[in-house]
Amino acid sequence: MLQKISSTVNVISSSLAIGFLFSGNAYGNQQLINTLNAEIDADNPALDYLIQDVCVDALDNPIPGDPTVCPKHRNIWIGEKVPYLLTDKDTANENATYQALSSYPVLGTDGALKIMVSKNMEGNFNSSFRYSFFKSRDAYDLIDTSGPYISIIRTSDPGCYDQKFALNSSQRTNGWILFAPGGSGKLLHQIMITRLDLNPPPSCIAANTVNKVYQPVSQVKKNSVQDIWNAPTAVSFESGKRLQSIVTYHVANDDFTRRNNAIERFFFTREYGFTRWEAWIPLSRCISENGANSPVCKPDSPQNFLKGRCGVSSPIPGIEVWGNQQWVRVDCRDSTNYVALSKPMIPLTFRMARTNNLLDVDYHSVIAAQPLRWWSSKGAGKYPVVGNANWEILANGKYSTLTYQPDVQPLPSGTQNGVFTLKTNNNNANNKLLVDIDVFSNYPSMFFGTNTILGQ
């Protein structure tokens, strides 16, 4: 039996639009989330290429649709649910899909903006997909935006599970560098990789140690790792979409003539964020490891295992010449296939970027911060106010999840009352905090009143 609680908040108004905020334990970070979402909304080209977009209506509300074709779209906010998946597609295997990508902003435990790239490998994706994360199957990259370079500071994959990247033992930023904001460039640097999982798979155990002892740290101390990035340019993808893209190369060693070398190439687009990944090695190395007649070393061969994903008909060549030697593409994930979701979601679980007491993502704040729409006398605003999808509110005689904030039009000058009727399923169990009711204005930003509701 739900039991009724009534509360009144008094506020003095001076013809301002007022927003009423319901908050749980995530409220302490909500103002910070609002600030970061305002940064996401600002004219920031780097973030535009890191965060996937969502189609919006005239009032900036998210609506279904592929942001590459809808007339109006913007970056997804922290706490806003992702309404679609980006998948690869294998045209040689009945259009099978193997990987689903999502690139969305999260709040770092350091208070800085992070971008999580979730990579689900469940396969055969459709509109009813629900997100889950298994370290032995799935992957993610956590991208840092606070340093002078956009860089991956943490990753997880089935090969070595959770790992962190850093420049050295004392600096987390600028680990696996992707690009610097504004134009093209390149950089030589060091890198440190620390494997965080205490029980890594056999493939992650160092093969060159006498007793096969697990090596938790790998470090390149010389400035021999090279990252090269290009200014945005139009790129045609496997789906036929032609999108403005930042293309960046992570080169294991800056000597391009070296046979024992490797390159990972990343593509970031304004509409989709992280969009495509490729692995390259010198042709001579490929032949040495696989044989001269191996289809792996012949990207244009009909027998190449990538033929339906990034193969014979790929708009991006699979053979290049760098450092006066031929290189071949040996793996590729082009995720430009759009799959609408019947139920939007945040593709994040508590286990992601939270291993061995290294907590990089404020998981609870991201999950709880459901952005609600805000209107003022100046028109539709762009900043979310706090809400929590776990609270229920009585509306039109029915209980429904609180995911939308009613409009509050400009109020006359004087003292106003905001009256809320809430219900709890047990007001005898304990007297812990249930909800804070706050009266807040974005224009200007200030609190007018608050009321704390306890369990009893």
Protein backbone atom coordinates (compact mmCIF):
# COMPACT_ATOMS: atom_id res chain seq x y z
CA MET A 1 0.00 0.00 0.00
CA LEU A 2 1.51 3.31 -1.05
CA GLN A 3 1.22 5.89 1.70
CA LYS A 4 0.78 9.57 0.99
CA ILE A 5 3.30 12.27 1.86
CA SER A 6 2.49 15.94 1.33
CA SER A 7 5.01 18.75 1.23
CA THR A 8 4.96 22.45 0.48
CA VAL A 9 7.89 24.61 -0.59
CA ASN A 10 7.56 28.38 -0.27
CA VAL A 11 9.40 30.57 -2.73
CA ILE A 12 9.53 34.26 -3.49
CA SER A 13 9.36 34.84 -7.21
CA SER A 14 10.28 37.87 -9.29
CA SER A 15 8.68 36.87 -12.59
CA LEU A 16 11.20 34.07 -13.20
CA ALA A 17 10.51 30.66 -14.60
CA ILE A 18 10.99 28.07 -11.84
CA GLY A 19 12.08 24.46 -12.20
CA PHE A 20 11.21 21.89 -9.53
CA LEU A 21 13.94 19.30 -8.96
CA PHE A 22 13.54 15.83 -7.51
CA SER A 23 16.86 14.37 -6.46
CA GLY A 24 18.22 11.24 -4.87
CA ASN A 25 21.79 10.62 -3.77
CA ALA A 26 23.17 11.72 -7.16
CA TYR A 27 22.08 15.31 -6.59
CA GLY A 28 25.45 16.39 -5.19
CA ASN A 29 26.97 16.02 -8.69
CA GLN A 30 24.05 17.36 -10.67
CA GLN A 31 25.29 20.92 -10.91
CA LEU A 32 28.62 19.58 -12.19
CA ILE A 33 26.77 17.43 -14.72
CA ASN A 34 24.79 20.48 -15.84
CA THR A 35 28.06 22.37 -16.34
CA LEU A 36 29.57 19.54 -18.38
CA ASN A 37 26.40 19.20 -20.47
CA ALA A 38 26.60 22.92 -21.21
CA GLU A 39 30.19 22.29 -22.38
CA ILE A 40 28.92 19.44 -24.58
CA ASP A 41 26.31 21.80 -26.06
CA ALA A 42 28.84 24.53 -26.78
CA ASP A 43 30.68 24.93 -30.06
CA ASN A 44 33.41 22.36 -29.35
CA PRO A 45 34.58 20.54 -32.50
CA ALA A 46 36.61 17.97 -30.55
CA LEU A 47 33.58 16.84 -28.54
CA ASP A 48 31.45 16.83 -31.70
CA TYR A 49 33.68 14.10 -33.10
CA LEU A 50 33.78 12.08 -29.87
CA ILE A 51 30.09 11.98 -28.86
CA GLN A 52 27.35 10.42 -30.94
CA ASP A 53 24.39 12.62 -31.86
CA VAL A 54 20.68 12.27 -31.31
CA CYS A 55 17.94 13.68 -33.55
CA VAL A 56 15.87 16.41 -31.88
CA ASP A 57 12.63 18.29 -32.51
CA ALA A 58 12.11 22.06 -32.59
CA LEU A 59 12.27 22.19 -28.77
CA ASP A 60 15.55 20.23 -28.66
CA ASN A 61 13.81 17.08 -27.36
CA PRO A 62 15.34 13.75 -28.54
CA ILE A 63 13.30 11.96 -31.21
CA PRO A 64 13.87 8.72 -33.16
CA GLY A 65 16.07 8.89 -36.21
CA ASP A 66 19.52 8.50 -37.73
CA PRO A 67 21.48 11.73 -37.08
CA THR A 68 23.20 11.44 -40.45
CA VAL A 69 19.90 12.17 -42.20
CA CYS A 70 17.60 14.00 -39.74
CA PRO A 71 17.41 17.79 -40.21
CA LYS A 72 18.37 18.69 -36.62
CA HIS A 73 20.62 16.82 -34.20
CA ARG A 74 22.96 17.46 -31.28
CA ASN A 75 25.38 15.63 -28.98
CA ILE A 76 23.91 13.27 -26.39
CA TRP A 77 24.18 14.57 -22.81
CA ILE A 78 25.44 12.87 -19.66
CA GLY A 79 22.59 10.73 -18.34
CA GLU A 80 20.62 10.85 -21.58
CA LYS A 81 19.63 7.47 -22.94
CA VAL A 82 21.05 6.27 -26.24
CA PRO A 83 18.21 5.57 -28.73
CA TYR A 84 20.12 3.55 -31.33
CA LEU A 85 23.07 1.25 -31.97
CA LEU A 86 25.88 1.51 -34.50
CA THR A 87 26.90 -1.91 -35.78
CA ASP A 88 29.14 -3.45 -38.37
CA LYS A 89 27.57 -5.54 -41.17
CA ASP A 90 28.94 -8.57 -43.00
CA THR A 91 27.47 -8.56 -46.52
CA ALA A 92 29.19 -11.89 -47.25
CA ASN A 93 27.40 -13.61 -44.36
CA GLU A 94 23.71 -12.71 -44.67
CA ASN A 95 24.37 -9.18 -43.34
CA ALA A 96 25.37 -10.56 -39.94
CA THR A 97 26.29 -8.02 -37.27
CA TYR A 98 29.03 -8.74 -34.73
CA GLN A 99 29.76 -5.53 -32.84
CA ALA A 100 27.60 -2.66 -31.54
CA LEU A 101 29.14 0.71 -30.66
CA SER A 102 27.96 3.61 -28.51
CA SER A 103 29.97 6.79 -27.81
CA TYR A 104 28.48 8.83 -24.98
CA PRO A 105 29.63 11.24 -22.25
CA VAL A 106 30.07 10.23 -18.62
CA LEU A 107 31.13 12.00 -15.44
CA GLY A 108 34.60 11.02 -14.29
CA THR A 109 35.21 10.52 -10.59
CA ASP A 110 37.80 13.30 -10.97
CA GLY A 111 34.98 15.67 -11.95
CA ALA A 112 36.12 15.88 -15.58
CA LEU A 113 34.24 14.94 -18.72
CA LYS A 114 34.97 11.47 -20.07
CA ILE A 115 33.69 9.68 -23.18
CA MET A 116 32.79 6.01 -22.88
CA VAL A 117 32.88 3.93 -26.06
CA SER A 118 30.95 0.73 -25.32
CA LYS A 119 31.60 -2.24 -27.62
CA ASN A 120 29.15 -5.09 -27.27
CA MET A 121 30.07 -8.31 -29.10
CA GLU A 122 26.85 -10.27 -28.57
CA GLY A 123 26.01 -10.10 -32.29
CA ASN A 124 22.80 -10.27 -34.33
CA PHE A 125 21.62 -6.90 -33.04
CA ASN A 126 18.02 -5.75 -33.42
CA SER A 127 15.63 -3.17 -31.96
CA SER A 128 14.95 -5.20 -28.81
CA PHE A 129 18.63 -5.36 -27.76
CA ARG A 130 19.34 -4.75 -24.05
CA TYR A 131 22.87 -3.89 -22.98
CA SER A 132 25.08 -6.19 -20.92
CA PHE A 133 28.83 -6.32 -20.38
CA PHE A 134 30.98 -9.44 -20.04
CA LYS A 135 34.74 -8.86 -19.94
CA SER A 136 35.41 -12.15 -21.74
CA ARG A 137 33.20 -11.06 -24.66
CA ASP A 138 32.83 -7.27 -24.78
CA ALA A 139 35.08 -4.21 -24.75
CA TYR A 140 35.21 -0.49 -24.07
CA ASP A 141 37.49 2.54 -24.37
CA LEU A 142 37.38 5.39 -21.86
CA ILE A 143 38.49 8.66 -23.45
CA ASP A 144 39.81 11.60 -21.43
CA THR A 145 39.20 15.19 -22.55
CA SER A 146 40.97 17.10 -19.76
CA GLY A 147 44.56 17.05 -21.04
CA PRO A 148 46.11 18.89 -23.99
CA TYR A 149 45.42 15.77 -26.11
CA ILE A 150 42.30 13.67 -26.50
CA SER A 151 43.45 10.27 -25.30
CA ILE A 152 42.27 6.85 -24.23
CA ILE A 153 43.17 6.35 -20.58
CA ARG A 154 41.51 2.98 -20.06
CA THR A 155 40.39 0.03 -22.15
CA SER A 156 39.01 -3.46 -21.76
CA ASP A 157 39.01 -6.28 -24.27
CA PRO A 158 38.71 -10.09 -24.16
CA GLY A 159 42.46 -10.42 -24.71
CA CYS A 160 43.71 -8.77 -21.50
CA TYR A 161 40.53 -7.50 -19.80
CA ASP A 162 40.76 -4.17 -17.97
CA GLN A 163 43.86 -2.03 -18.57
CA LYS A 164 44.84 1.58 -18.03
CA PHE A 165 46.98 3.79 -20.27
CA ALA A 166 49.23 6.57 -19.02
CA LEU A 167 52.19 8.63 -20.10
CA ASN A 168 54.12 7.51 -17.03
CA SER A 169 53.50 6.29 -13.49
CA SER A 170 52.28 9.68 -12.29
CA GLN A 171 50.24 11.04 -15.21
CA ARG A 172 46.97 9.42 -16.26
CA THR A 173 46.15 11.84 -19.09
CA ASN A 174 47.78 11.62 -22.52
CA GLY A 175 48.05 7.84 -22.47
CA TRP A 176 46.91 6.41 -25.79
CA ILE A 177 46.76 9.69 -27.69
CA LEU A 178 44.15 10.10 -30.42
CA PHE A 179 44.36 13.74 -31.52
CA ALA A 180 44.73 17.33 -30.38
CA PRO A 181 41.81 19.72 -30.82
CA GLY A 182 42.11 21.85 -33.93
CA GLY A 183 43.65 20.65 -37.20
CA SER A 184 46.19 17.98 -38.00
CA GLY A 185 49.33 17.02 -36.13
CA LYS A 186 51.64 14.29 -34.87
CA LEU A 187 53.48 13.46 -31.66
CA LEU A 188 56.21 11.15 -30.43
CA HIS A 189 55.75 10.03 -26.85
CA GLN A 190 56.10 7.32 -24.24
CA ILE A 191 53.29 5.10 -23.00
CA MET A 192 52.63 2.88 -20.01
CA ILE A 193 50.04 0.08 -20.00
CA THR A 194 48.97 -1.36 -16.65
CA ARG A 195 46.80 -4.48 -16.66
CA LEU A 196 44.31 -4.20 -13.84
CA ASP A 197 42.58 -7.56 -13.79
CA LEU A 198 44.08 -9.98 -11.26
CA ASN A 199 43.09 -13.02 -13.33
CA PRO A 200 43.91 -12.24 -16.94
CA PRO A 201 43.29 -14.74 -19.74
CA PRO A 202 46.21 -16.91 -20.91
CA SER A 203 46.68 -14.71 -23.98
CA CYS A 204 47.72 -11.83 -21.72
CA ILE A 205 50.45 -13.72 -19.85
CA ALA A 206 53.87 -12.58 -21.03
CA ALA A 207 55.35 -15.27 -23.28
CA ASN A 208 58.95 -14.13 -22.90
CA THR A 209 59.27 -14.65 -19.15
CA VAL A 210 61.01 -17.75 -17.87
CA ASN A 211 58.15 -18.93 -15.68
CA LYS A 212 55.31 -17.41 -17.73
CA VAL A 213 54.74 -14.94 -14.92
CA TYR A 214 51.93 -12.47 -15.48
CA GLN A 215 53.37 -9.05 -16.26
CA PRO A 216 51.00 -6.30 -15.06
CA VAL A 217 52.90 -3.38 -16.62
CA SER A 218 54.23 -2.73 -20.11
CA GLN A 219 56.10 0.51 -20.75
CA VAL A 220 57.76 2.21 -23.71
CA LYS A 221 60.21 4.67 -22.13
CA LYS A 222 61.66 6.04 -25.36
CA ASN A 223 59.72 8.61 -27.36
CA SER A 224 59.16 6.04 -30.09
CA VAL A 225 55.35 5.71 -30.06
CA GLN A 226 53.93 7.97 -32.74
CA ASP A 227 50.40 9.33 -33.12
CA ILE A 228 49.36 11.10 -36.31
CA TRP A 229 45.99 12.75 -36.88
CA ASN A 230 44.35 14.59 -39.75
CA ALA A 231 42.00 17.54 -39.83
CA PRO A 232 38.37 16.57 -40.54
CA THR A 233 37.80 15.37 -44.08
CA ALA A 234 34.99 13.56 -45.90
CA VAL A 235 35.26 9.74 -45.81
CA SER A 236 33.05 7.13 -47.51
CA PHE A 237 32.21 4.17 -45.27
CA GLU A 238 31.05 0.60 -45.90
CA SER A 239 27.38 1.60 -45.49
CA GLY A 240 27.70 4.14 -48.31
CA LYS A 241 27.51 7.06 -45.90
CA ARG A 242 29.98 9.87 -46.55
CA LEU A 243 30.80 11.66 -43.29
CA GLN A 244 33.23 14.29 -42.06
CA SER A 245 35.85 12.36 -40.10
CA ILE A 246 38.95 12.79 -37.98
CA VAL A 247 41.32 9.96 -38.92
CA THR A 248 44.07 9.15 -36.43
CA TYR A 249 46.97 6.67 -36.53
CA HIS A 250 48.58 5.03 -33.49
CA VAL A 251 51.97 3.70 -34.65
CA ALA A 252 53.77 1.21 -32.41
CA ASN A 253 57.17 2.51 -33.55
CA ASP A 254 57.93 5.69 -35.46
CA ASP A 255 60.22 3.82 -37.87
CA PHE A 256 57.80 3.04 -40.71
CA THR A 257 60.45 0.97 -42.50
CA ARG A 258 60.62 -1.47 -39.60
CA ARG A 259 59.10 -4.88 -40.42
CA ASN A 260 58.07 -5.66 -36.85
CA ASN A 261 55.66 -2.75 -36.59
CA ALA A 262 51.90 -2.15 -36.36
CA ILE A 263 49.36 0.62 -36.79
CA GLU A 264 45.86 1.06 -35.42
CA ARG A 265 43.74 3.54 -37.36
CA PHE A 266 40.66 5.19 -35.84
CA PHE A 267 37.85 7.17 -37.49
CA PHE A 268 35.70 9.64 -35.55
CA THR A 269 32.66 11.30 -37.13
CA ARG A 270 30.51 14.26 -36.02
CA GLU A 271 27.29 12.26 -36.08
CA TYR A 272 28.46 8.94 -34.61
CA GLY A 273 31.59 9.63 -32.53
CA PHE A 274 33.90 6.59 -32.68
CA THR A 275 32.93 5.02 -36.00
CA ARG A 276 35.59 2.76 -37.46
CA TRP A 277 38.76 0.90 -36.39
CA GLU A 278 41.45 -0.83 -38.46
CA ALA A 279 44.61 -2.85 -37.72
CA TRP A 280 47.58 -2.71 -40.13
CA ILE A 281 50.96 -4.47 -40.30
CA PRO A 282 53.75 -4.43 -42.92
CA LEU A 283 53.16 -6.89 -45.77
CA SER A 284 56.53 -8.53 -45.09
CA ARG A 285 55.51 -9.22 -41.50
CA CYS A 286 52.14 -10.62 -42.62
CA ILE A 287 53.82 -13.00 -45.05
CA SER A 288 56.36 -14.05 -42.43
CA GLU A 289 53.62 -14.87 -39.92
CA ASN A 290 50.96 -16.31 -42.27
CA GLY A 291 52.63 -17.39 -45.49
CA ALA A 292 52.95 -15.78 -48.91
CA ASN A 293 49.66 -17.22 -50.18
CA SER A 294 47.57 -16.43 -47.12
CA PRO A 295 44.33 -14.49 -47.86
CA VAL A 296 44.98 -12.55 -44.64
CA CYS A 297 47.79 -10.75 -46.49
CA LYS A 298 45.59 -10.01 -49.53
CA PRO A 299 42.83 -7.55 -48.55
CA ASP A 300 41.45 -7.58 -52.11
CA SER A 301 41.13 -11.37 -52.22
CA PRO A 302 37.61 -12.89 -52.29
CA GLN A 303 38.91 -15.38 -49.71
CA ASN A 304 39.97 -12.68 -47.23
CA PHE A 305 37.96 -13.03 -44.02
CA LEU A 306 37.14 -9.30 -44.11
CA LYS A 307 35.62 -9.49 -47.60
CA GLY A 308 32.07 -8.76 -46.41
CA ARG A 309 33.01 -6.11 -43.85
CA CYS A 310 36.01 -4.18 -45.22
CA GLY A 311 37.14 -6.26 -48.16
CA VAL A 312 37.01 -6.33 -51.93
CA SER A 313 34.35 -3.64 -52.33
CA SER A 314 35.53 -1.43 -49.48
CA PRO A 315 35.67 2.29 -50.30
CA ILE A 316 38.82 2.50 -48.16
CA PRO A 317 41.83 0.64 -49.69
CA GLY A 318 43.30 -2.26 -47.72
CA ILE A 319 46.85 -1.80 -49.04
CA GLU A 320 48.97 1.31 -48.42
CA VAL A 321 52.63 2.33 -48.75
CA TRP A 322 54.23 3.91 -45.69
CA GLY A 323 57.96 4.13 -45.04
CA ASN A 324 58.81 2.77 -48.50
CA GLN A 325 57.16 -0.57 -47.76
CA GLN A 326 53.70 -2.02 -48.32
CA TRP A 327 51.27 -2.36 -45.41
CA VAL A 328 48.08 -4.47 -45.34
CA ARG A 329 44.89 -4.17 -43.33
CA VAL A 330 44.48 -7.31 -41.22
CA ASP A 331 41.37 -6.37 -39.22
CA CYS A 332 38.56 -3.85 -39.48
CA ARG A 333 35.32 -2.79 -37.75
CA ASP A 334 33.17 -0.32 -39.68
CA SER A 335 30.22 0.58 -37.46
CA THR A 336 28.04 2.79 -39.64
CA ASN A 337 25.02 0.50 -39.74
CA TYR A 338 22.14 2.21 -37.87
CA VAL A 339 19.84 0.09 -35.66
CA ALA A 340 17.01 1.91 -33.86
CA LEU A 341 16.21 0.70 -30.34
CA SER A 342 12.63 0.21 -29.18
CA LYS A 343 13.76 1.16 -25.67
CA PRO A 344 16.60 3.69 -25.31
CA MET A 345 19.26 2.86 -22.73
CA ILE A 346 22.55 3.91 -21.19
CA PRO A 347 25.04 1.20 -22.28
CA LEU A 348 26.97 1.27 -19.01
CA THR A 349 27.29 -1.22 -16.18
CA PHE A 350 28.81 -0.92 -12.72
CA ARG A 351 31.78 -3.10 -13.70
CA MET A 352 33.02 -0.82 -16.48
CA ALA A 353 36.09 1.29 -15.59
CA ARG A 354 35.81 0.23 -11.95
CA THR A 355 38.44 -2.46 -11.20
CA ASN A 356 40.94 -2.95 -8.35
CA ASN A 357 39.75 0.20 -6.56
CA LEU A 358 40.54 2.35 -9.60
CA LEU A 359 37.19 4.07 -10.16
CA ASP A 360 37.23 6.28 -13.25
CA VAL A 361 33.48 6.69 -13.86
CA ASP A 362 30.90 8.07 -11.43
CA TYR A 363 28.50 5.31 -12.37
CA HIS A 364 25.62 6.18 -10.03
CA SER A 365 25.52 9.84 -11.02
CA VAL A 366 25.50 8.99 -14.73
CA ILE A 367 22.70 6.45 -14.36
CA ALA A 368 20.62 8.66 -12.05
CA ALA A 369 21.02 11.90 -13.98
CA GLN A 370 18.04 11.63 -16.31
CA PRO A 371 17.99 14.96 -18.16
CA LEU A 372 14.58 16.65 -17.95
CA ARG A 373 13.49 19.51 -20.19
CA TRP A 374 13.54 23.07 -18.94
CA TRP A 375 11.60 26.07 -20.18
CA SER A 376 12.03 29.69 -19.20
CA SER A 377 10.65 33.04 -20.20
CA LYS A 378 13.52 33.10 -22.72
CA GLY A 379 12.25 29.99 -24.50
CA ALA A 380 13.45 26.42 -24.53
CA GLY A 381 16.68 26.05 -22.62
CA LYS A 382 19.44 23.55 -23.26
CA TYR A 383 20.35 22.49 -19.75
CA PRO A 384 18.84 19.45 -18.04
CA VAL A 385 17.57 19.48 -14.48
CA VAL A 386 17.85 16.53 -12.18
CA GLY A 387 15.43 13.63 -12.18
CA ASN A 388 15.62 9.98 -11.27
CA ALA A 389 13.92 7.25 -13.24
CA ASN A 390 13.43 5.25 -10.04
CA TRP A 391 11.05 7.77 -8.48
CA GLU A 392 7.36 7.61 -9.34
CA ILE A 393 4.95 10.52 -9.45
CA LEU A 394 1.12 10.54 -9.50
CA ALA A 395 -0.05 12.05 -12.80
CA ASN A 396 -3.64 11.97 -14.07
CA GLY A 397 -4.55 9.31 -11.54
CA LYS A 398 -1.83 6.90 -12.69
CA TYR A 399 1.66 6.17 -11.47
CA SER A 400 4.37 6.64 -14.06
CA THR A 401 8.14 6.95 -14.10
CA LEU A 402 9.35 10.53 -13.63
CA THR A 403 11.19 11.25 -16.86
CA TYR A 404 9.67 14.60 -17.85
CA GLN A 405 9.39 17.89 -16.00
CA PRO A 406 6.18 19.91 -16.45
CA ASP A 407 6.49 23.42 -17.85
CA VAL A 408 6.50 26.20 -15.27
CA GLN A 409 5.69 29.46 -16.97
CA PRO A 410 6.85 32.87 -15.66
CA LEU A 411 5.27 33.51 -12.29
CA PRO A 412 3.98 36.83 -10.93
CA SER A 413 6.02 38.65 -8.30
CA GLY A 414 5.40 37.66 -4.70
CA THR A 415 5.34 34.51 -2.58
CA GLN A 416 4.42 31.32 -4.41
CA ASN A 417 3.69 27.80 -3.15
CA GLY A 418 4.91 24.66 -4.87
CA VAL A 419 2.84 21.72 -3.60
CA PHE A 420 3.95 18.12 -4.20
CA THR A 421 2.09 14.91 -3.44
CA LEU A 422 4.43 11.95 -3.16
CA LYS A 423 3.87 8.41 -1.98
CA THR A 424 6.13 5.77 -0.46
CA ASN A 425 5.50 2.04 -0.11
CA ASN A 426 6.67 2.03 3.54
CA ASN A 427 6.98 4.98 5.91
CA ASN A 428 7.67 2.86 9.01
CA ALA A 429 10.84 1.01 8.01
CA ASN A 430 13.42 3.75 8.58
CA ASN A 431 13.86 7.47 8.54
CA LYS A 432 16.45 7.75 5.77
CA LEU A 433 16.45 10.41 3.07
CA LEU A 434 13.86 9.68 0.39
CA VAL A 435 13.95 12.79 -1.76
CA ASP A 436 14.98 16.44 -1.82
CA ILE A 437 12.47 18.85 -3.35
CA ASP A 438 14.27 21.95 -4.60
CA VAL A 439 13.07 25.08 -6.38
CA PHE A 440 15.66 26.16 -8.90
CA SER A 441 16.11 28.68 -11.67
CA ASN A 442 18.49 28.53 -14.61
CA TYR A 443 17.99 32.21 -15.53
CA PRO A 444 19.82 33.22 -13.38
CA SER A 445 21.17 30.02 -11.83
CA MET A 446 20.13 29.91 -8.15
CA PHE A 447 18.19 27.99 -5.53
CA PHE A 448 15.06 29.54 -4.03
CA GLY A 449 14.02 26.89 -1.55
CA THR A 450 14.44 23.26 -0.51
CA ASN A 451 12.61 20.64 1.49
CA THR A 452 14.05 17.28 2.56
CA ILE A 453 11.62 14.33 2.86
CA LEU A 454 12.60 11.47 5.19
CA GLY A 455 11.16 7.99 5.27
CA GLN A 456 8.94 8.60 8.32
